[in-house]
Amino acid sequence: MSLYVLEDKGLYIECDMEYGPKKDISCTVKGVTQQCVEEAVRKTGYSAYMKIEGNRLLLSTSVFKAGKTPGELIKEIFFYLRLC
């Protein structure tokens, strides 16, 4: 398992970056409300590539086809979550 962790002032995101065909990236989000996560996902403009399940965020690897890497997208989400 390859973990990607972002943390700041009570906000915590941990993502399993080990992905492959038909295997999405799974992130655990802590320290913010689900509403905040939904708002952050919308602001990225890539919500079609993500699914929210409780405190988990599933990121489709098909986002590569849209010209964005999963790491870039996770950093962008983290930025918006810090604004909540």
Protein backbone atom coordinates (compact mmCIF):
# COMPACT_ATOMS: atom_id res chain seq x y z
CA MET A 1 0.00 0.00 0.00
CA SER A 2 1.26 3.45 -0.91
CA LEU A 3 -0.18 6.17 1.34
CA TYR A 4 -0.51 9.85 0.57
CA VAL A 5 -1.25 11.93 3.68
CA LEU A 6 -2.15 15.61 4.01
CA GLU A 7 -2.75 17.16 7.43
CA ASP A 8 -3.33 20.67 8.75
CA LYS A 9 -5.01 22.00 11.91
CA GLY A 10 -7.35 19.07 12.51
CA LEU A 11 -7.97 18.34 8.83
CA TYR A 12 -6.62 14.96 7.77
CA ILE A 13 -6.69 13.16 4.42
CA GLU A 14 -5.14 9.74 3.91
CA CYS A 15 -5.25 8.18 0.46
CA ASP A 16 -4.30 4.71 -0.70
CA MET A 17 -2.51 5.60 -3.93
CA GLU A 18 -2.09 2.00 -5.04
CA TYR A 19 -4.44 1.80 -7.99
CA GLY A 20 -4.87 -0.07 -11.22
CA PRO A 21 -7.47 -0.93 -13.83
CA LYS A 22 -10.93 -0.77 -12.27
CA LYS A 23 -9.43 0.06 -8.85
CA ASP A 24 -10.18 3.55 -7.58
CA ILE A 25 -8.15 5.60 -5.15
CA SER A 26 -9.70 5.54 -1.70
CA CYS A 27 -9.21 8.47 0.69
CA THR A 28 -10.30 8.86 4.28
CA VAL A 29 -11.21 12.42 5.26
CA LYS A 30 -11.36 13.55 8.89
CA GLY A 31 -11.91 16.89 10.59
CA VAL A 32 -14.58 18.36 8.31
CA THR A 33 -18.27 17.75 7.65
CA GLN A 34 -19.55 15.73 4.73
CA GLN A 35 -21.17 18.92 3.42
CA CYS A 36 -17.73 20.55 3.33
CA VAL A 37 -16.32 17.58 1.40
CA GLU A 38 -19.20 17.76 -1.08
CA GLU A 39 -18.62 21.49 -1.58
CA ALA A 40 -14.87 21.00 -2.08
CA VAL A 41 -15.47 18.26 -4.65
CA ARG A 42 -17.90 20.51 -6.56
CA LYS A 43 -15.41 23.39 -6.61
CA THR A 44 -12.75 21.27 -8.34
CA GLY A 45 -14.92 20.84 -11.43
CA TYR A 46 -14.07 17.12 -11.45
CA SER A 47 -16.98 15.82 -9.38
CA ALA A 48 -17.87 13.31 -12.11
CA TYR A 49 -14.69 11.44 -11.20
CA MET A 50 -15.38 11.26 -7.46
CA LYS A 51 -17.83 9.57 -5.13
CA ILE A 52 -18.40 10.38 -1.46
CA GLU A 53 -19.30 7.57 0.94
CA GLY A 54 -19.45 8.85 4.50
CA ASN A 55 -15.93 9.87 5.47
CA ARG A 56 -14.46 8.17 2.37
CA LEU A 57 -13.76 9.79 -0.94
CA LEU A 58 -13.36 7.50 -3.95
CA LEU A 59 -11.44 8.97 -6.85
CA SER A 60 -11.68 7.30 -10.25
CA THR A 61 -8.40 6.80 -12.06
CA SER A 62 -10.17 7.84 -15.25
CA VAL A 63 -9.40 11.40 -14.12
CA PHE A 64 -6.09 10.92 -15.99
CA LYS A 65 -8.10 11.09 -19.22
CA ALA A 66 -9.41 14.50 -18.14
CA GLY A 67 -5.85 15.82 -17.88
CA LYS A 68 -5.47 15.75 -14.09
CA THR A 69 -3.43 13.44 -11.89
CA PRO A 70 -5.01 12.00 -8.74
CA GLY A 71 -2.34 13.67 -6.60
CA GLU A 72 -3.09 17.09 -8.09
CA LEU A 73 -6.79 16.60 -7.50
CA ILE A 74 -6.28 15.51 -3.89
CA LYS A 75 -4.14 18.60 -3.20
CA GLU A 76 -6.86 20.80 -4.72
CA ILE A 77 -9.55 19.17 -2.58
CA PHE A 78 -7.35 19.65 0.50
CA PHE A 79 -7.01 23.36 -0.34
CA TYR A 80 -10.80 23.79 -0.55
CA LEU A 81 -11.36 21.76 2.63
CA ARG A 82 -9.05 24.12 4.53
CA LEU A 83 -11.43 26.97 3.61
CA CYS A 84 -14.42 25.32 5.33
